Amino acid sequence: MKVTIDKNSGYCFGVEYAIQMAEDEMETAEVLYCLGDIVHNSMEVKRLHDKGLRIIDREQMKELHDCKLLIRAHGEPPATYELALKNNIELIDASCPVVLKLQNRVKHAFDKMEEENGQIVIYGQVGHAEVIGLTGQTQDKAIVITTEEDLDKIDFSRPVSLFSQTTKSTQGFYKMKDRIEERIQKINPEASLDVMLDANDSICRQVSNREPQLRKFSHEHDVIVFVSGKKSSNGKALFGVCQSENSRSYFIENETELNVEWFDNVESVGICGATSTPMWLMENVARYIENLPMMAH
C-alpha cells in the first residue's frame, strides 16, 4: 500500500507567519497570550501551549494589563486595538496581509455605502474570527450570509457591496452573487446591476487554488484521509471537494481516529489537509497508516 502526502496541503502563508511570530516571541517571553486559537487545530494549539502560548477570549482580554498579546492571522476589529491601548497591552500583530488588505477594502466600501444608503454583505461564517474582524470595519452593520436562506436579511431595493471571507469556496461565492443578482432583478427588472451590486471576490487564492489541485489528488488515490481540526471552516470546504471526487474520503483530526477497515484491499492512500493542518500531523498519520497490520490486498 502506497501512502502519499499532498504536497499542496498544509499551512498557508498567513498561518505559517503567525506561528513563526509566536515561536520567536516565546523564546524570550515566558508567557504569550493569544486572542483565540492561533490555528484551528487542537494538536498544534497543544504543542504551542507547551511552549508558553496561552489562548484567551475577548472577555479574558478585558482583565489583562501590561503584557504581550498575539493577534493571529484572522485579524481583529478596531475595538481590540482600542482595548489593548487602554490596558497597556503590547500587540504582536500577526494578521495575515491578505486579511488586512480586505479589512481596508471593506472599510472604504462601508464609508461609500453609508453615503449611498447601501449595505455591506459578507459571505462567511457568523462568529468566525475573520468575519468578526471584517464586520468590525462596518461598526458591526455588515450583513453576514452563509446559506441562501440568509439572503432574506438583505434589502434588495438598496445597493449591495458584496465581499467574502478569504477562506470560503469560490464556487459558493459566485453562487451567492448570482442569487443576489436574481433577487435584485426580481424586485426591479429595470435596475442596473452595475449600480445595485458591487461584487468583490476577496477569496484568498492560496486557498482557492487548492481546490483544483485537491480534485486531481483525490482522483489519483483509492482512499483519501483528510486531516483537519473540526473547527476549521477551510477544512470543511476542502474536505467537501475531496468527497465530491472520491466517495472513500475520510475526515480525521489525528491518527487515533483512523479505522483499519478503510484500508481493506487498498493500493494507494492520499493524505491531505486544510490550510491550518501542520505538516508534522499529516506525517504522523502517514506513518501510522504505513504501520497498520496489513489486511488482504
Protein backbone atom coordinates (compact mmCIF):
# COMPACT_ATOMS: atom_id res chain seq x y z
CA MET A 1 0.00 0.00 0.00
CA LYS A 2 1.45 3.34 -1.10
CA VAL A 3 0.83 6.36 1.15
CA THR A 4 1.31 9.85 -0.32
CA ILE A 5 1.03 13.25 1.37
CA ASP A 6 -0.37 16.02 -0.83
CA LYS A 7 2.48 18.49 -1.31
CA ASN A 8 -0.01 21.38 -1.70
CA SER A 9 -1.67 20.76 1.69
CA GLY A 10 -0.71 22.29 4.99
CA TYR A 11 -0.23 25.80 6.26
CA CYS A 12 -0.98 28.81 4.14
CA PHE A 13 1.45 31.71 4.33
CA GLY A 14 -0.66 33.63 6.91
CA VAL A 15 -0.82 30.78 9.41
CA GLU A 16 2.86 29.89 8.97
CA TYR A 17 3.78 33.54 9.60
CA ALA A 18 1.65 33.76 12.78
CA ILE A 19 3.10 30.55 14.24
CA GLN A 20 6.65 31.68 13.44
CA MET A 21 5.98 35.02 15.16
CA ALA A 22 4.60 33.25 18.23
CA GLU A 23 7.57 30.87 18.44
CA ASP A 24 10.08 33.73 18.04
CA GLU A 25 8.36 35.72 20.77
CA MET A 26 8.23 32.76 23.17
CA GLU A 27 11.98 32.31 23.03
CA THR A 28 12.29 35.35 25.29
CA ALA A 29 8.84 35.62 26.91
CA GLU A 30 7.68 33.10 29.50
CA VAL A 31 4.04 33.63 28.57
CA LEU A 32 2.50 34.98 25.40
CA TYR A 33 -1.26 35.43 25.24
CA CYS A 34 -3.16 34.78 22.02
CA LEU A 35 -6.67 36.02 21.29
CA GLY A 36 -8.48 32.86 20.16
CA ASP A 37 -6.93 29.67 18.78
CA ILE A 38 -3.82 30.63 16.81
CA VAL A 39 -4.85 27.96 14.30
CA HIS A 40 -7.98 25.78 14.09
CA ASN A 41 -6.06 22.68 15.05
CA SER A 42 -6.13 21.38 18.62
CA MET A 43 -2.92 19.35 18.24
CA GLU A 44 -0.90 22.39 17.15
CA VAL A 45 -2.53 24.54 19.85
CA LYS A 46 -1.39 21.99 22.43
CA ARG A 47 2.18 21.93 21.05
CA LEU A 48 2.38 25.73 21.31
CA HIS A 49 0.73 25.72 24.75
CA ASP A 50 3.60 23.55 25.97
CA LYS A 51 5.96 26.32 24.81
CA GLY A 52 4.05 29.03 26.71
CA LEU A 53 1.25 30.23 24.40
CA ARG A 54 -1.95 30.90 26.35
CA ILE A 55 -5.22 31.12 24.43
CA ILE A 56 -7.71 33.65 25.80
CA ASP A 57 -11.07 35.02 24.67
CA ARG A 58 -12.30 38.61 24.38
CA GLU A 59 -13.77 38.63 27.90
CA GLN A 60 -10.46 37.50 29.40
CA MET A 61 -8.61 40.15 27.42
CA LYS A 62 -10.52 42.86 29.33
CA GLU A 63 -8.80 41.67 32.53
CA LEU A 64 -5.29 41.70 31.04
CA HIS A 65 -2.83 44.56 31.63
CA ASP A 66 0.87 45.18 30.90
CA CYS A 67 1.54 42.02 28.91
CA LYS A 68 2.07 40.76 25.37
CA LEU A 69 -0.77 39.55 23.18
CA LEU A 70 -0.59 37.94 19.76
CA ILE A 71 -3.18 38.81 17.13
CA ARG A 72 -3.47 35.77 14.90
CA ALA A 73 -3.74 35.59 11.10
CA HIS A 74 -7.54 36.08 11.08
CA GLY A 75 -7.20 39.75 12.05
CA GLU A 76 -9.19 41.72 14.64
CA PRO A 77 -11.81 44.52 14.73
CA PRO A 78 -10.80 48.08 15.73
CA ALA A 79 -12.22 47.54 19.25
CA THR A 80 -9.42 45.06 20.05
CA TYR A 81 -6.73 47.64 19.26
CA GLU A 82 -8.53 50.26 21.36
CA LEU A 83 -8.70 47.91 24.35
CA ALA A 84 -5.00 47.00 24.02
CA LEU A 85 -4.09 50.68 24.11
CA LYS A 86 -6.27 51.26 27.17
CA ASN A 87 -4.86 48.25 29.09
CA ASN A 88 -1.22 48.81 28.07
CA ILE A 89 -1.07 45.52 26.19
CA GLU A 90 1.73 45.16 23.68
CA LEU A 91 0.35 43.64 20.50
CA ILE A 92 2.32 41.19 18.38
CA ASP A 93 0.26 41.61 15.22
CA ALA A 94 0.36 38.53 13.01
CA SER A 95 -2.74 39.47 10.98
CA CYS A 96 -2.44 37.97 7.50
CA PRO A 97 -1.59 40.68 4.91
CA VAL A 98 -4.42 39.36 2.69
CA VAL A 99 -6.90 39.82 5.55
CA LEU A 100 -5.59 43.30 6.43
CA LYS A 101 -5.99 44.40 2.82
CA LEU A 102 -9.55 43.06 2.82
CA GLN A 103 -10.39 44.87 6.09
CA ASN A 104 -9.24 48.07 4.43
CA ARG A 105 -11.38 47.46 1.34
CA VAL A 106 -14.43 46.68 3.49
CA LYS A 107 -13.95 49.89 5.49
CA HIS A 108 -13.73 52.02 2.32
CA ALA A 109 -16.78 50.28 0.83
CA PHE A 110 -18.70 50.81 4.08
CA ASP A 111 -17.98 54.57 4.08
CA LYS A 112 -19.21 54.72 0.48
CA MET A 113 -22.32 52.62 1.21
CA GLU A 114 -23.20 54.85 4.17
CA GLU A 115 -23.37 57.79 1.76
CA GLU A 116 -25.41 55.84 -0.78
CA ASN A 117 -27.84 54.19 1.68
CA GLY A 118 -26.34 50.82 0.71
CA GLN A 119 -25.37 47.64 2.57
CA ILE A 120 -22.19 45.67 3.09
CA VAL A 121 -22.79 41.94 2.72
CA ILE A 122 -20.15 39.39 3.71
CA TYR A 123 -20.31 35.80 2.54
CA GLY A 124 -18.83 33.95 5.51
CA GLN A 125 -19.41 32.15 8.78
CA VAL A 126 -21.15 34.08 11.58
CA GLY A 127 -18.85 34.25 14.61
CA HIS A 128 -15.73 33.27 12.63
CA ALA A 129 -12.73 35.28 13.82
CA GLU A 130 -12.02 36.76 10.39
CA VAL A 131 -15.67 37.75 9.92
CA ILE A 132 -15.71 39.48 13.34
CA GLY A 133 -12.69 41.50 12.19
CA LEU A 134 -14.42 42.39 8.91
CA THR A 135 -17.78 43.37 10.40
CA GLY A 136 -15.83 45.48 12.91
CA GLN A 137 -14.81 47.71 9.98
CA THR A 138 -18.51 48.46 9.42
CA GLN A 139 -19.48 49.31 13.02
CA ASP A 140 -20.99 45.79 13.01
CA LYS A 141 -23.60 46.82 10.45
CA ALA A 142 -22.49 44.32 7.78
CA ILE A 143 -24.92 41.53 6.91
CA VAL A 144 -23.29 38.09 7.11
CA ILE A 145 -24.67 35.40 4.80
CA THR A 146 -23.74 31.72 4.88
CA THR A 147 -26.68 29.99 3.19
CA GLU A 148 -29.27 31.03 0.62
CA GLU A 149 -31.85 31.42 3.42
CA ASP A 150 -29.68 34.25 4.80
CA LEU A 151 -30.35 36.30 1.67
CA ASP A 152 -33.67 37.32 3.24
CA LYS A 153 -31.67 39.63 5.54
CA ILE A 154 -30.78 41.85 2.55
CA ASP A 155 -32.91 44.76 1.32
CA PHE A 156 -32.70 44.28 -2.46
CA SER A 157 -34.08 47.74 -3.20
CA ARG A 158 -30.84 49.24 -1.85
CA PRO A 159 -27.29 48.93 -3.29
CA VAL A 160 -25.20 45.96 -2.11
CA SER A 161 -21.43 45.74 -1.78
CA LEU A 162 -20.56 42.03 -1.51
CA PHE A 163 -17.33 40.58 -0.08
CA SER A 164 -16.23 37.12 1.01
CA GLN A 165 -14.38 35.70 3.98
CA THR A 166 -10.98 34.79 2.47
CA THR A 167 -11.30 31.04 3.16
CA LYS A 168 -14.74 30.42 1.63
CA SER A 169 -15.22 28.43 -1.56
CA THR A 170 -15.04 30.37 -4.83
CA GLN A 171 -17.94 28.34 -6.19
CA GLY A 172 -20.07 29.25 -3.15
CA PHE A 173 -19.27 32.95 -3.54
CA TYR A 174 -20.27 33.11 -7.21
CA LYS A 175 -23.44 31.16 -6.49
CA MET A 176 -24.40 33.78 -3.86
CA LYS A 177 -23.55 36.60 -6.30
CA ASP A 178 -25.89 35.06 -8.90
CA ARG A 179 -28.70 34.68 -6.34
CA ILE A 180 -28.33 38.32 -5.25
CA GLU A 181 -28.49 39.46 -8.90
CA GLU A 182 -31.66 37.40 -9.42
CA ARG A 183 -33.31 38.90 -6.32
CA ILE A 184 -32.40 42.47 -7.33
CA GLN A 185 -33.87 41.95 -10.80
CA LYS A 186 -36.99 40.31 -9.42
CA ILE A 187 -37.73 43.41 -7.33
CA ASN A 188 -36.76 45.86 -10.06
CA PRO A 189 -36.34 44.42 -13.57
CA GLU A 190 -35.15 47.84 -14.79
CA ALA A 191 -32.37 48.08 -12.21
CA SER A 192 -28.80 48.37 -13.45
CA LEU A 193 -26.85 45.56 -11.79
CA ASP A 194 -23.66 47.61 -12.09
CA VAL A 195 -25.21 50.23 -9.84
CA MET A 196 -27.03 47.88 -7.47
CA LEU A 197 -24.32 45.26 -6.88
CA ASP A 198 -20.60 45.64 -6.40
CA ALA A 199 -19.29 42.07 -6.03
CA ASN A 200 -15.74 41.69 -4.73
CA ASP A 201 -14.22 38.23 -4.96
CA SER A 202 -11.98 38.51 -1.90
CA ILE A 203 -11.17 34.80 -1.57
CA CYS A 204 -7.50 34.07 -0.91
CA ARG A 205 -6.01 32.40 -3.96
CA GLN A 206 -3.65 30.39 -1.78
CA VAL A 207 -6.80 28.72 -0.52
CA SER A 208 -8.98 28.65 -3.65
CA ASN A 209 -6.14 27.34 -5.86
CA ARG A 210 -6.08 24.26 -3.66
CA GLU A 211 -9.49 23.17 -4.90
CA PRO A 212 -8.47 22.11 -8.45
CA GLN A 213 -5.25 20.55 -7.11
CA LEU A 214 -7.22 18.63 -4.49
CA ARG A 215 -9.72 17.35 -7.07
CA LYS A 216 -6.85 15.89 -9.07
CA PHE A 217 -5.20 14.44 -5.94
CA SER A 218 -8.50 12.83 -4.78
CA HIS A 219 -8.85 11.10 -8.16
CA GLU A 220 -5.36 9.65 -8.02
CA HIS A 221 -5.88 7.57 -4.84
CA ASP A 222 -8.20 4.76 -3.76
CA VAL A 223 -8.74 6.29 -0.32
CA ILE A 224 -8.36 9.89 0.86
CA VAL A 225 -7.62 10.72 4.51
CA PHE A 226 -8.27 14.39 5.16
CA VAL A 227 -6.59 15.70 8.32
CA SER A 228 -8.02 18.86 9.88
CA GLY A 229 -9.27 20.42 13.08
CA LYS A 230 -13.05 20.16 13.49
CA LYS A 231 -13.30 23.96 13.86
CA SER A 232 -11.64 24.79 10.55
CA SER A 233 -14.13 26.26 8.04
CA ASN A 234 -11.50 25.92 5.34
CA GLY A 235 -11.09 22.26 6.35
CA LYS A 236 -14.83 21.61 5.91
CA ALA A 237 -14.80 23.29 2.48
CA LEU A 238 -11.75 21.38 1.23
CA PHE A 239 -13.00 18.06 2.61
CA GLY A 240 -16.20 18.64 0.61
CA VAL A 241 -14.04 18.89 -2.52
CA CYS A 242 -12.40 15.52 -1.74
CA GLN A 243 -15.76 13.86 -1.07
CA SER A 244 -17.23 15.12 -4.33
CA GLU A 245 -14.36 13.46 -6.24
CA ASN A 246 -13.81 10.34 -4.13
CA SER A 247 -16.56 8.73 -2.03
CA ARG A 248 -13.90 6.95 0.04
CA SER A 249 -12.75 10.17 1.70
CA TYR A 250 -12.50 10.32 5.49
CA PHE A 251 -12.16 13.33 7.81
CA ILE A 252 -9.98 12.86 10.90
CA GLU A 253 -8.41 15.15 13.47
CA ASN A 254 -5.46 12.83 14.16
CA GLU A 255 -4.26 9.26 13.70
CA THR A 256 -6.28 7.89 16.66
CA GLU A 257 -9.47 8.32 14.58
CA LEU A 258 -8.29 6.05 11.76
CA ASN A 259 -10.26 2.89 11.07
CA VAL A 260 -8.35 -0.17 9.83
CA GLU A 261 -11.29 -1.24 7.65
CA TRP A 262 -10.95 1.86 5.45
CA PHE A 263 -7.78 0.33 4.01
CA ASP A 264 -9.08 -3.13 3.02
CA ASN A 265 -7.84 -4.06 -0.45
CA VAL A 266 -6.42 -0.60 -1.00
CA GLU A 267 -3.36 0.10 -3.12
CA SER A 268 -2.94 3.85 -2.67
CA VAL A 269 -3.85 6.26 0.11
CA GLY A 270 -3.68 10.04 -0.26
CA ILE A 271 -3.27 12.24 2.82
CA CYS A 272 -4.20 15.90 2.63
CA GLY A 273 -5.38 18.68 4.93
CA ALA A 274 -6.55 22.23 5.49
CA THR A 275 -4.56 25.47 5.47
CA SER A 276 -4.50 25.06 9.26
CA THR A 277 -3.11 21.49 9.24
CA PRO A 278 0.57 21.23 10.24
CA MET A 279 2.79 19.01 8.09
CA TRP A 280 4.00 17.07 11.18
CA LEU A 281 0.43 15.95 11.82
CA MET A 282 -0.04 14.63 8.26
CA GLU A 283 3.33 12.86 8.60
CA ASN A 284 2.15 11.21 11.86
CA VAL A 285 -0.97 9.97 10.08
CA ALA A 286 1.09 8.66 7.13
CA ARG A 287 3.44 6.75 9.46
CA TYR A 288 0.51 5.29 11.38
CA ILE A 289 -1.16 4.03 8.18
CA GLU A 290 2.11 2.57 6.90
CA ASN A 291 2.50 0.61 10.15
CA LEU A 292 -1.04 -0.77 10.22
CA PRO A 293 -1.23 -4.57 10.28
CA MET A 294 -1.61 -5.38 6.61
CA MET A 295 -5.01 -6.56 5.53
CA ALA A 296 -5.77 -8.58 2.43
CA HIS A 297 -4.65 -6.78 -0.72
